[in-house]
PDB file of N, CA and C in Angstrom:
ATOM      1  N   MET A   1      -4.818   5.873   9.387  1.00  0.00           N
ATOM      2  CA  MET A   1      -3.654   5.355   8.784  1.00  0.00           C
ATOM      3  C   MET A   1      -3.161   3.846   9.534  1.00  0.00           C
ATOM      4  N   PHE A   2      -2.984   3.004   8.382  1.00  0.00           N
ATOM      5  CA  PHE A   2      -2.350   1.818   9.071  1.00  0.00           C
ATOM      6  C   PHE A   2      -0.984   1.677   9.110  1.00  0.00           C
ATOM      7  N   LEU A   3      -0.201   2.342   8.355  1.00  0.00           N
ATOM      8  CA  LEU A   3       1.333   2.097   8.456  1.00  0.00           C
ATOM      9  C   LEU A   3       1.901   2.678   9.685  1.00  0.00           C
ATOM     10  N   ASP A   4       2.735   1.652  10.151  1.00  0.00           N
ATOM     11  CA  ASP A   4       3.560   2.075  11.529  1.00  0.00           C
ATOM     12  C   ASP A   4       4.663   2.808  11.287  1.00  0.00           C
ATOM     13  N   ARG A   5       5.462   2.514  10.042  1.00  0.00           N
ATOM     14  CA  ARG A   5       6.727   3.216   9.995  1.00  0.00           C
ATOM     15  C   ARG A   5       6.932   3.222   8.458  1.00  0.00           C
ATOM     16  N   ILE A   6       7.394   4.227   7.933  1.00  0.00           N
ATOM     17  CA  ILE A   6       7.855   4.239   6.234  1.00  0.00           C
ATOM     18  C   ILE A   6       9.475   4.063   6.424  1.00  0.00           C
ATOM     19  N   ILE A   7      10.050   2.925   5.868  1.00  0.00           N
ATOM     20  CA  ILE A   7      11.407   2.416   5.835  1.00  0.00           C
ATOM     21  C   ILE A   7      12.329   3.087   4.700  1.00  0.00           C
ATOM     22  N   GLU A   8      11.553   3.312   3.637  1.00  0.00           N
ATOM     23  CA  GLU A   8      12.114   3.732   2.378  1.00  0.00           C
ATOM     24  C   GLU A   8      11.038   4.526   1.664  1.00  0.00           C
ATOM     25  N   LEU A   9      11.617   5.664   0.968  1.00  0.00           N
ATOM     26  CA  LEU A   9      10.675   6.479   0.209  1.00  0.00           C
ATOM     27  C   LEU A   9      11.445   7.115  -1.091  1.00  0.00           C
ATOM     28  N   GLU A  10      11.221   6.872  -2.115  1.00  0.00           N
ATOM     29  CA  GLU A  10      11.683   7.639  -3.329  1.00  0.00           C
ATOM     30  C   GLU A  10      10.417   8.239  -4.128  1.00  0.00           C
ATOM     31  N   GLN A  11      10.363   9.534  -3.748  1.00  0.00           N
ATOM     32  CA  GLN A  11       9.030  10.178  -3.910  1.00  0.00           C
ATOM     33  C   GLN A  11       8.703  10.049  -5.408  1.00  0.00           C
ATOM     34  N   GLY A  12       7.644   9.764  -5.707  1.00  0.00           N
ATOM     35  CA  GLY A  12       7.064   9.799  -7.040  1.00  0.00           C
ATOM     36  C   GLY A  12       7.573   8.314  -7.970  1.00  0.00           C
ATOM     37  N   ASN A  13       8.125   7.539  -6.969  1.00  0.00           N
ATOM     38  CA  ASN A  13       8.739   6.256  -7.659  1.00  0.00           C
ATOM     39  C   ASN A  13       8.362   4.900  -6.659  1.00  0.00           C
ATOM     40  N   ARG A  14       8.738   4.898  -5.540  1.00  0.00           N
ATOM     41  CA  ARG A  14       8.408   3.737  -4.804  1.00  0.00           C
ATOM     42  C   ARG A  14       8.643   3.997  -3.143  1.00  0.00           C
ATOM     43  N   GLY A  15       8.003   3.051  -2.492  1.00  0.00           N
ATOM     44  CA  GLY A  15       8.209   3.265  -1.051  1.00  0.00           C
ATOM     45  C   GLY A  15       8.163   1.839  -0.367  1.00  0.00           C
ATOM     46  N   VAL A  16       8.665   1.847   0.810  1.00  0.00           N
ATOM     47  CA  VAL A  16       8.378   0.349   1.676  1.00  0.00           C
ATOM     48  C   VAL A  16       8.033   0.972   3.109  1.00  0.00           C
ATOM     49  N   ALA A  17       7.193   0.172   3.657  1.00  0.00           N
ATOM     50  CA  ALA A  17       6.751   0.491   5.231  1.00  0.00           C
ATOM     51  C   ALA A  17       6.528  -0.783   5.896  1.00  0.00           C
ATOM     52  N   ARG A  18       6.253  -0.610   7.188  1.00  0.00           N
ATOM     53  CA  ARG A  18       6.029  -1.733   8.023  1.00  0.00           C
ATOM     54  C   ARG A  18       4.868  -1.741   8.930  1.00  0.00           C
ATOM     55  N   ILE A  19       4.141  -2.521   9.268  1.00  0.00           N
ATOM     56  CA  ILE A  19       3.065  -2.763  10.001  1.00  0.00           C
ATOM     57  C   ILE A  19       3.187  -3.821  10.883  1.00  0.00           C
ATOM     58  N   GLY A  20       2.994  -3.468  12.350  1.00  0.00           N
ATOM     59  CA  GLY A  20       2.894  -4.524  13.338  1.00  0.00           C
ATOM     60  C   GLY A  20       1.597  -4.978  13.610  1.00  0.00           C
ATOM     61  N   VAL A  21       1.146  -6.325  13.447  1.00  0.00           N
ATOM     62  CA  VAL A  21      -0.278  -6.702  13.458  1.00  0.00           C
ATOM     63  C   VAL A  21      -0.499  -6.904  15.210  1.00  0.00           C
ATOM     64  N   THR A  22      -1.302  -6.388  15.819  1.00  0.00           N
ATOM     65  CA  THR A  22      -1.621  -6.535  17.217  1.00  0.00           C
ATOM     66  C   THR A  22      -2.917  -7.279  17.259  1.00  0.00           C
ATOM     67  N   ALA A  23      -3.091  -8.123  18.358  1.00  0.00           N
ATOM     68  CA  ALA A  23      -4.370  -8.756  18.793  1.00  0.00           C
ATOM     69  C   ALA A  23      -5.572  -7.846  18.682  1.00  0.00           C
ATOM     70  N   ALA A  24      -5.336  -6.759  19.360  1.00  0.00           N
ATOM     71  CA  ALA A  24      -6.399  -5.603  19.436  1.00  0.00           C
ATOM     72  C   ALA A  24      -6.855  -5.125  18.022  1.00  0.00           C
ATOM     73  N   ARG A  25      -5.890  -4.848  17.111  1.00  0.00           N
ATOM     74  CA  ARG A  25      -6.279  -4.486  15.844  1.00  0.00           C
ATOM     75  C   ARG A  25      -6.809  -5.442  14.929  1.00  0.00           C
ATOM     76  N   GLY A  26      -6.120  -6.593  14.776  1.00  0.00           N
ATOM     77  CA  GLY A  26      -6.420  -7.671  13.818  1.00  0.00           C
ATOM     78  C   GLY A  26      -6.150  -7.131  12.591  1.00  0.00           C
ATOM     79  N   PHE A  27      -6.073  -7.989  11.375  1.00  0.00           N
ATOM     80  CA  PHE A  27      -5.777  -7.587  10.024  1.00  0.00           C
ATOM     81  C   PHE A  27      -6.386  -8.278   9.038  1.00  0.00           C
ATOM     82  N   PRO A  28      -7.906  -7.989   8.629  1.00  0.00           N
ATOM     83  CA  PRO A  28      -8.393  -8.783   7.517  1.00  0.00           C
ATOM     84  C   PRO A  28      -7.561  -8.506   6.221  1.00  0.00           C
ATOM     85  N   GLN A  29      -7.753  -9.401   5.437  1.00  0.00           N
ATOM     86  CA  GLN A  29      -7.041  -9.173   4.120  1.00  0.00           C
ATOM     87  C   GLN A  29      -7.193  -8.058   3.374  1.00  0.00           C
ATOM     88  N   ILE A  30      -8.433  -7.416   3.395  1.00  0.00           N
ATOM     89  CA  ILE A  30      -8.658  -6.302   2.415  1.00  0.00           C
ATOM     90  C   ILE A  30      -8.135  -5.167   3.000  1.00  0.00           C
ATOM     91  N   LEU A  31      -7.550  -5.255   4.197  1.00  0.00           N
ATOM     92  CA  LEU A  31      -6.497  -4.152   4.846  1.00  0.00           C
ATOM     93  C   LEU A  31      -5.252  -4.044   4.259  1.00  0.00           C
ATOM     94  N   MET A  32      -4.886  -5.157   3.793  1.00  0.00           N
ATOM     95  CA  MET A  32      -3.605  -5.222   2.999  1.00  0.00           C
ATOM     96  C   MET A  32      -3.643  -4.376   1.791  1.00  0.00           C
ATOM     97  N   ILE A  33      -4.694  -4.460   1.243  1.00  0.00           N
ATOM     98  CA  ILE A  33      -4.940  -3.671  -0.007  1.00  0.00           C
ATOM     99  C   ILE A  33      -4.908  -1.985   0.424  1.00  0.00           C
ATOM    100  N   GLU A  34      -5.734  -1.850   1.463  1.00  0.00           N
ATOM    101  CA  GLU A  34      -5.833  -0.532   1.968  1.00  0.00           C
ATOM    102  C   GLU A  34      -4.341   0.179   2.320  1.00  0.00           C
ATOM    103  N   ALA A  35      -3.464  -0.696   3.020  1.00  0.00           N
ATOM    104  CA  ALA A  35      -2.243  -0.356   3.494  1.00  0.00           C
ATOM    105  C   ALA A  35      -1.381  -0.106   2.189  1.00  0.00           C
ATOM    106  N   VAL A  36      -1.491  -0.882   1.160  1.00  0.00           N
ATOM    107  CA  VAL A  36      -0.698  -0.548  -0.204  1.00  0.00           C
ATOM    108  C   VAL A  36      -1.140   0.736  -0.779  1.00  0.00           C
ATOM    109  N   ALA A  37      -2.463   0.972  -0.795  1.00  0.00           N
ATOM    110  CA  ALA A  37      -2.945   2.223  -1.255  1.00  0.00           C
ATOM    111  C   ALA A  37      -2.537   3.645  -0.470  1.00  0.00           C
ATOM    112  N   GLN A  38      -2.494   3.255   0.716  1.00  0.00           N
ATOM    113  CA  GLN A  38      -2.102   4.418   1.684  1.00  0.00           C
ATOM    114  C   GLN A  38      -0.547   4.678   1.369  1.00  0.00           C
ATOM    115  N   LEU A  39       0.337   3.606   1.429  1.00  0.00           N
ATOM    116  CA  LEU A  39       1.553   3.785   1.046  1.00  0.00           C
ATOM    117  C   LEU A  39       1.852   4.420  -0.319  1.00  0.00           C
ATOM    118  N   ALA A  40       1.078   4.074  -1.294  1.00  0.00           N
ATOM    119  CA  ALA A  40       1.085   4.612  -2.629  1.00  0.00           C
ATOM    120  C   ALA A  40       0.664   5.978  -2.577  1.00  0.00           C
ATOM    121  N   GLY A  41      -0.372   6.553  -1.806  1.00  0.00           N
ATOM    122  CA  GLY A  41      -0.681   7.791  -1.729  1.00  0.00           C
ATOM    123  C   GLY A  41       0.600   8.788  -1.251  1.00  0.00           C
ATOM    124  N   ILE A  42       1.259   8.210  -0.332  1.00  0.00           N
ATOM    125  CA  ILE A  42       2.362   8.853   0.183  1.00  0.00           C
ATOM    126  C   ILE A  42       3.658   9.016  -0.808  1.00  0.00           C
ATOM    127  N   VAL A  43       3.646   8.074  -1.436  1.00  0.00           N
ATOM    128  CA  VAL A  43       4.703   8.091  -2.662  1.00  0.00           C
ATOM    129  C   VAL A  43       4.415   9.017  -3.702  1.00  0.00           C
ATOM    130  N   VAL A  44       3.169   9.102  -4.247  1.00  0.00           N
ATOM    131  CA  VAL A  44       2.816   9.938  -5.387  1.00  0.00           C
ATOM    132  C   VAL A  44       2.271  11.329  -5.026  1.00  0.00           C
ATOM    133  N   ALA A  45       1.873  11.657  -3.672  1.00  0.00           N
ATOM    134  CA  ALA A  45       1.525  13.039  -3.437  1.00  0.00           C
ATOM    135  C   ALA A  45       2.861  13.923  -3.561  1.00  0.00           C
ATOM    136  N   LYS A  46       2.373  15.011  -4.102  1.00  0.00           N
ATOM    137  CA  LYS A  46       3.310  16.139  -4.239  1.00  0.00           C
ATOM    138  C   LYS A  46       3.369  17.202  -3.226  1.00  0.00           C
ATOM    139  N   THR A  47       2.282  17.357  -2.709  1.00  0.00           N
ATOM    140  CA  THR A  47       2.328  18.334  -1.438  1.00  0.00           C
ATOM    141  C   THR A  47       1.518  17.634  -0.256  1.00  0.00           C
ATOM    142  N   GLU A  48       1.932  18.087   0.859  1.00  0.00           N
ATOM    143  CA  GLU A  48       1.218  17.479   2.265  1.00  0.00           C
ATOM    144  C   GLU A  48      -0.061  18.106   2.172  1.00  0.00           C
ATOM    145  N   GLY A  49      -0.848  17.098   2.679  1.00  0.00           N
ATOM    146  CA  GLY A  49      -2.261  17.222   2.708  1.00  0.00           C
ATOM    147  C   GLY A  49      -3.098  17.060   1.297  1.00  0.00           C
ATOM    148  N   GLU A  50      -2.350  16.809   0.400  1.00  0.00           N
ATOM    149  CA  GLU A  50      -2.961  16.677  -0.831  1.00  0.00           C
ATOM    150  C   GLU A  50      -3.882  15.219  -0.847  1.00  0.00           C
ATOM    151  N   GLY A  51      -5.206  15.315  -1.250  1.00  0.00           N
ATOM    152  CA  GLY A  51      -6.034  14.159  -1.070  1.00  0.00           C
ATOM    153  C   GLY A  51      -5.792  13.193  -2.232  1.00  0.00           C
ATOM    154  N   GLY A  52      -6.346  11.869  -1.963  1.00  0.00           N
ATOM    155  CA  GLY A  52      -6.174  10.705  -2.915  1.00  0.00           C
ATOM    156  C   GLY A  52      -7.585   9.950  -2.908  1.00  0.00           C
ATOM    157  N   PHE A  53      -7.561   9.051  -3.707  1.00  0.00           N
ATOM    158  CA  PHE A  53      -8.650   8.065  -3.696  1.00  0.00           C
ATOM    159  C   PHE A  53      -7.978   6.825  -4.381  1.00  0.00           C
ATOM    160  N   LEU A  54      -8.763   5.732  -4.058  1.00  0.00           N
ATOM    161  CA  LEU A  54      -8.325   4.481  -4.791  1.00  0.00           C
ATOM    162  C   LEU A  54      -9.383   4.273  -5.795  1.00  0.00           C
ATOM    163  N   ALA A  55      -9.116   4.540  -7.259  1.00  0.00           N
ATOM    164  CA  ALA A  55      -9.738   4.479  -8.259  1.00  0.00           C
ATOM    165  C   ALA A  55     -10.256   3.159  -8.489  1.00  0.00           C
ATOM    166  N   SER A  56      -9.370   2.086  -8.693  1.00  0.00           N
ATOM    167  CA  SER A  56      -9.840   0.697  -8.922  1.00  0.00           C
ATOM    168  C   SER A  56      -8.653  -0.421  -8.360  1.00  0.00           C
ATOM    169  N   ILE A  57      -9.210  -1.456  -8.043  1.00  0.00           N
ATOM    170  CA  ILE A  57      -8.217  -2.641  -7.873  1.00  0.00           C
ATOM    171  C   ILE A  57      -8.278  -3.417  -8.992  1.00  0.00           C
ATOM    172  N   ASN A  58      -7.179  -3.268  -9.954  1.00  0.00           N
ATOM    173  CA  ASN A  58      -7.133  -4.156 -11.191  1.00  0.00           C
ATOM    174  C   ASN A  58      -7.032  -5.549 -11.069  1.00  0.00           C
ATOM    175  N   HIS A  59      -6.040  -5.973 -10.040  1.00  0.00           N
ATOM    176  CA  HIS A  59      -5.859  -7.577  -9.755  1.00  0.00           C
ATOM    177  C   HIS A  59      -5.322  -7.519  -8.226  1.00  0.00           C
ATOM    178  N   ALA A  60      -5.871  -8.461  -7.642  1.00  0.00           N
ATOM    179  CA  ALA A  60      -5.203  -8.698  -6.291  1.00  0.00           C
ATOM    180  C   ALA A  60      -5.064 -10.342  -5.990  1.00  0.00           C
ATOM    181  N   GLU A  61      -4.129 -10.720  -5.572  1.00  0.00           N
ATOM    182  CA  GLU A  61      -3.940 -12.291  -5.489  1.00  0.00           C
ATOM    183  C   GLU A  61      -3.507 -12.494  -4.020  1.00  0.00           C
ATOM    184  N   PHE A  62      -4.367 -13.137  -3.068  1.00  0.00           N
ATOM    185  CA  PHE A  62      -3.824 -13.363  -1.767  1.00  0.00           C
ATOM    186  C   PHE A  62      -3.384 -14.698  -1.619  1.00  0.00           C
ATOM    187  N   SER A  63      -2.266 -14.832  -0.902  1.00  0.00           N
ATOM    188  CA  SER A  63      -1.682 -16.250  -0.771  1.00  0.00           C
ATOM    189  C   SER A  63      -1.516 -16.549   0.774  1.00  0.00           C
ATOM    190  N   GLY A  64      -2.149 -15.728   1.720  1.00  0.00           N
ATOM    191  CA  GLY A  64      -2.005 -15.878   3.137  1.00  0.00           C
ATOM    192  C   GLY A  64      -2.648 -14.780   3.778  1.00  0.00           C
ATOM    193  N   SER A  65      -2.675 -14.842   5.088  1.00  0.00           N
ATOM    194  CA  SER A  65      -3.307 -13.954   5.872  1.00  0.00           C
ATOM    195  C   SER A  65      -2.294 -13.589   7.276  1.00  0.00           C
ATOM    196  N   ALA A  66      -2.610 -12.246   7.765  1.00  0.00           N
ATOM    197  CA  ALA A  66      -1.729 -11.774   8.718  1.00  0.00           C
ATOM    198  C   ALA A  66      -2.470 -12.177  10.131  1.00  0.00           C
ATOM    199  N   ASN A  67      -1.519 -12.480  11.165  1.00  0.00           N
ATOM    200  CA  ASN A  67      -2.011 -12.878  12.547  1.00  0.00           C
ATOM    201  C   ASN A  67      -1.246 -11.954  13.422  1.00  0.00           C
ATOM    202  N   ALA A  68      -1.802 -11.900  14.796  1.00  0.00           N
ATOM    203  CA  ALA A  68      -1.404 -11.177  15.720  1.00  0.00           C
ATOM    204  C   ALA A  68       0.048 -11.331  15.914  1.00  0.00           C
ATOM    205  N   GLY A  69       0.914 -10.316  16.014  1.00  0.00           N
ATOM    206  CA  GLY A  69       2.330 -10.676  16.336  1.00  0.00           C
ATOM    207  C   GLY A  69       3.152 -10.342  15.103  1.00  0.00           C
ATOM    208  N   ASP A  70       2.471 -10.454  13.769  1.00  0.00           N
ATOM    209  CA  ASP A  70       3.265 -10.407  12.559  1.00  0.00           C
ATOM    210  C   ASP A  70       3.841  -9.135  12.223  1.00  0.00           C
ATOM    211  N   LEU A  71       4.874  -9.123  11.580  1.00  0.00           N
ATOM    212  CA  LEU A  71       5.498  -7.837  11.180  1.00  0.00           C
ATOM    213  C   LEU A  71       5.323  -8.030   9.650  1.00  0.00           C
ATOM    214  N   LEU A  72       4.560  -7.001   9.092  1.00  0.00           N
ATOM    215  CA  LEU A  72       4.253  -6.955   7.646  1.00  0.00           C
ATOM    216  C   LEU A  72       5.019  -5.873   6.820  1.00  0.00           C
ATOM    217  N   GLY A  73       5.680  -6.406   5.707  1.00  0.00           N
ATOM    218  CA  GLY A  73       6.384  -5.424   4.861  1.00  0.00           C
ATOM    219  C   GLY A  73       5.359  -5.152   3.765  1.00  0.00           C
ATOM    220  N   ILE A  74       5.369  -3.765   3.514  1.00  0.00           N
ATOM    221  CA  ILE A  74       4.353  -3.320   2.570  1.00  0.00           C
ATOM    222  C   ILE A  74       5.274  -2.335   1.511  1.00  0.00           C
ATOM    223  N   SER A  75       5.084  -2.764   0.321  1.00  0.00           N
ATOM    224  CA  SER A  75       5.877  -2.209  -0.847  1.00  0.00           C
ATOM    225  C   SER A  75       4.833  -1.743  -1.941  1.00  0.00           C
ATOM    226  N   ALA A  76       5.157  -0.396  -2.369  1.00  0.00           N
ATOM    227  CA  ALA A  76       4.382   0.204  -3.546  1.00  0.00           C
ATOM    228  C   ALA A  76       5.316   0.764  -4.565  1.00  0.00           C
ATOM    229  N   ARG A  77       5.073   0.661  -5.829  1.00  0.00           N
ATOM    230  CA  ARG A  77       5.861   1.129  -6.878  1.00  0.00           C
ATOM    231  C   ARG A  77       5.043   1.501  -7.988  1.00  0.00           C
ATOM    232  N   VAL A  78       5.351   2.801  -8.419  1.00  0.00           N
ATOM    233  CA  VAL A  78       4.583   3.336  -9.554  1.00  0.00           C
ATOM    234  C   VAL A  78       5.106   2.727 -10.682  1.00  0.00           C
ATOM    235  N   ILE A  79       4.040   2.130 -11.565  1.00  0.00           N
ATOM    236  CA  ILE A  79       4.447   1.513 -12.765  1.00  0.00           C
ATOM    237  C   ILE A  79       4.592   2.553 -13.947  1.00  0.00           C
ATOM    238  N   LYS A  80       3.201   3.192 -13.927  1.00  0.00           N
ATOM    239  CA  LYS A  80       3.166   4.548 -14.897  1.00  0.00           C
ATOM    240  C   LYS A  80       2.272   5.371 -14.430  1.00  0.00           C
ATOM    241  N   SER A  81       2.169   6.564 -14.878  1.00  0.00           N
ATOM    242  CA  SER A  81       1.344   7.637 -14.448  1.00  0.00           C
ATOM    243  C   SER A  81       0.606   8.323 -15.772  1.00  0.00           C
ATOM    244  N   PHE A  82      -0.524   8.790 -15.556  1.00  0.00           N
ATOM    245  CA  PHE A  82      -1.152   9.336 -16.724  1.00  0.00           C
ATOM    246  C   PHE A  82      -2.159  10.436 -15.952  1.00  0.00           C
ATOM    247  N   GLY A  83      -1.660  11.819 -16.173  1.00  0.00           N
ATOM    248  CA  GLY A  83      -2.448  12.838 -15.429  1.00  0.00           C
ATOM    249  C   GLY A  83      -2.230  12.640 -14.044  1.00  0.00           C
ATOM    250  N   ARG A  84      -3.468  12.517 -13.255  1.00  0.00           N
ATOM    251  CA  ARG A  84      -3.560  12.672 -11.775  1.00  0.00           C
ATOM    252  C   ARG A  84      -3.888  11.079 -11.346  1.00  0.00           C
ATOM    253  N   LEU A  85      -3.814  10.079 -12.365  1.00  0.00           N
ATOM    254  CA  LEU A  85      -3.940   8.602 -12.149  1.00  0.00           C
ATOM    255  C   LEU A  85      -2.531   8.052 -12.162  1.00  0.00           C
ATOM    256  N   PHE A  86      -2.410   7.136 -11.145  1.00  0.00           N
ATOM    257  CA  PHE A  86      -1.151   6.350 -11.134  1.00  0.00           C
ATOM    258  C   PHE A  86      -1.468   4.771 -11.088  1.00  0.00           C
ATOM    259  N   LEU A  87      -0.745   4.173 -12.026  1.00  0.00           N
ATOM    260  CA  LEU A  87      -1.041   2.680 -11.912  1.00  0.00           C
ATOM    261  C   LEU A  87       0.167   2.223 -10.874  1.00  0.00           C
ATOM    262  N   ILE A  88      -0.357   1.346  -9.974  1.00  0.00           N
ATOM    263  CA  ILE A  88       0.571   0.864  -8.784  1.00  0.00           C
ATOM    264  C   ILE A  88       0.546  -0.415  -8.697  1.00  0.00           C
ATOM    265  N   GLU A  89       1.811  -1.024  -8.617  1.00  0.00           N
ATOM    266  CA  GLU A  89       2.211  -2.550  -8.234  1.00  0.00           C
ATOM    267  C   GLU A  89       2.615  -2.402  -6.705  1.00  0.00           C
ATOM    268  N   GLY A  90       1.958  -3.430  -5.886  1.00  0.00           N
ATOM    269  CA  GLY A  90       2.184  -3.392  -4.387  1.00  0.00           C
ATOM    270  C   GLY A  90       2.219  -4.879  -3.946  1.00  0.00           C
ATOM    271  N   LYS A  91       2.972  -5.025  -2.817  1.00  0.00           N
ATOM    272  CA  LYS A  91       3.201  -6.365  -2.310  1.00  0.00           C
ATOM    273  C   LYS A  91       3.157  -6.133  -0.816  1.00  0.00           C
ATOM    274  N   VAL A  92       2.644  -7.293  -0.118  1.00  0.00           N
ATOM    275  CA  VAL A  92       2.853  -7.343   1.330  1.00  0.00           C
ATOM    276  C   VAL A  92       3.423  -8.698   1.848  1.00  0.00           C
ATOM    277  N   VAL A  93       4.417  -8.637   2.487  1.00  0.00           N
ATOM    278  CA  VAL A  93       5.061 -10.030   2.876  1.00  0.00           C
ATOM    279  C   VAL A  93       5.270  -9.955   4.377  1.00  0.00           C
ATOM    280  N   CYS A  94       5.541 -11.215   4.768  1.00  0.00           N
ATOM    281  CA  CYS A  94       5.526 -11.456   6.137  1.00  0.00           C
ATOM    282  C   CYS A  94       6.662 -12.755   6.223  1.00  0.00           C
ATOM    283  N   ASP A  95       7.620 -12.376   7.149  1.00  0.00           N
ATOM    284  CA  ASP A  95       8.773 -13.503   7.010  1.00  0.00           C
ATOM    285  C   ASP A  95       9.134 -14.135   5.765  1.00  0.00           C
ATOM    286  N   ALA A  96       9.260 -13.337   4.747  1.00  0.00           N
ATOM    287  CA  ALA A  96       9.825 -13.687   3.230  1.00  0.00           C
ATOM    288  C   ALA A  96       8.499 -14.479   2.612  1.00  0.00           C
ATOM    289  N   GLU A  97       7.392 -14.520   3.200  1.00  0.00           N
ATOM    290  CA  GLU A  97       6.239 -15.163   2.531  1.00  0.00           C
ATOM    291  C   GLU A  97       5.240 -13.984   2.070  1.00  0.00           C
ATOM    292  N   GLN A  98       5.060 -13.996   0.712  1.00  0.00           N
ATOM    293  CA  GLN A  98       4.353 -13.161   0.164  1.00  0.00           C
ATOM    294  C   GLN A  98       2.753 -13.347   0.507  1.00  0.00           C
ATOM    295  N   LEU A  99       2.063 -12.442   1.055  1.00  0.00           N
ATOM    296  CA  LEU A  99       0.679 -12.478   1.491  1.00  0.00           C
ATOM    297  C   LEU A  99      -0.173 -12.005   0.547  1.00  0.00           C
ATOM    298  N   LEU A 100       0.363 -10.826  -0.395  1.00  0.00           N
ATOM    299  CA  LEU A 100      -0.574 -10.178  -1.270  1.00  0.00           C
ATOM    300  C   LEU A 100       0.331  -9.765  -2.455  1.00  0.00           C
ATOM    301  N   SER A 101      -0.154  -9.904  -3.810  1.00  0.00           N
ATOM    302  CA  SER A 101       0.353  -9.268  -4.889  1.00  0.00           C
ATOM    303  C   SER A 101      -0.938  -8.530  -5.353  1.00  0.00           C
ATOM    304  N   VAL A 102      -0.712  -7.073  -5.468  1.00  0.00           N
ATOM    305  CA  VAL A 102      -1.875  -6.232  -6.023  1.00  0.00           C
ATOM    306  C   VAL A 102      -1.324  -5.265  -7.274  1.00  0.00           C
ATOM    307  N   GLN A 103      -2.237  -4.924  -8.155  1.00  0.00           N
ATOM    308  CA  GLN A 103      -2.212  -3.984  -8.959  1.00  0.00           C
ATOM    309  C   GLN A 103      -3.250  -3.084  -8.871  1.00  0.00           C
ATOM    310  N   LEU A 104      -3.047  -1.706  -8.539  1.00  0.00           N
ATOM    311  CA  LEU A 104      -4.378  -0.833  -8.312  1.00  0.00           C
ATOM    312  C   LEU A 104      -4.004   0.509  -9.014  1.00  0.00           C
ATOM    313  N   THR A 105      -5.171   1.291  -9.335  1.00  0.00           N
ATOM    314  CA  THR A 105      -4.972   2.662  -9.867  1.00  0.00           C
ATOM    315  C   THR A 105      -5.613   3.627  -8.686  1.00  0.00           C
ATOM    316  N   LEU A 106      -4.656   4.691  -8.455  1.00  0.00           N
ATOM    317  CA  LEU A 106      -4.872   5.492  -7.493  1.00  0.00           C
ATOM    318  C   LEU A 106      -4.827   6.960  -8.161  1.00  0.00           C
ATOM    319  N   GLY A 107      -5.860   7.734  -7.596  1.00  0.00           N
ATOM    320  CA  GLY A 107      -6.013   9.131  -8.109  1.00  0.00           C
ATOM    321  C   GLY A 107      -5.600  10.031  -6.878  1.00  0.00           C
ATOM    322  N   VAL A 108      -4.913  11.177  -7.372  1.00  0.00           N
ATOM    323  CA  VAL A 108      -4.615  12.176  -6.606  1.00  0.00           C
ATOM    324  C   VAL A 108      -5.122  13.599  -6.958  1.00  0.00           C
ATOM    325  N   GLY A 109      -5.513  14.342  -5.845  1.00  0.00           N
ATOM    326  CA  GLY A 109      -6.328  15.519  -6.138  1.00  0.00           C
ATOM    327  C   GLY A 109      -7.643  15.540  -5.810  1.00  0.00           C
ATOM    328  N   LYS A 110      -8.280  16.641  -6.223  1.00  0.00           N
ATOM    329  CA  LYS A 110      -9.620  16.665  -5.923  1.00  0.00           C
ATOM    330  C   LYS A 110     -10.472  15.882  -6.716  1.00  0.00           C
ATOM    331  N   VAL A 111     -11.582  15.370  -6.070  1.00  0.00           N
ATOM    332  CA  VAL A 111     -12.560  14.505  -6.748  1.00  0.00           C
ATOM    333  C   VAL A 111     -13.495  15.139  -7.605  1.00  0.00           C
TER     334      VAL A 111
END
């Protein structure tokens, strides 16, 4: 799990988390999408230990990258759900600068 701390959680609706980027860990841009997916999984999971999977990345727009020492704000919001699939809108920001805007589909439950 990449998330260091969950700041806000409205189960089934939205969440906000933080990640501190370290020199040892680094943070390639694709991991920003993974962080949004992880937070979204926590937001939509109904029971502890319930599995999930990233079904698709519908749209992703990167406008920057994370560097050692950065504190990233991760947000995920459920746009709509259909069965066990959830359409998620997510963002990653650092110092009020948006680094990523993404829309993805997350599946919850057994594959």
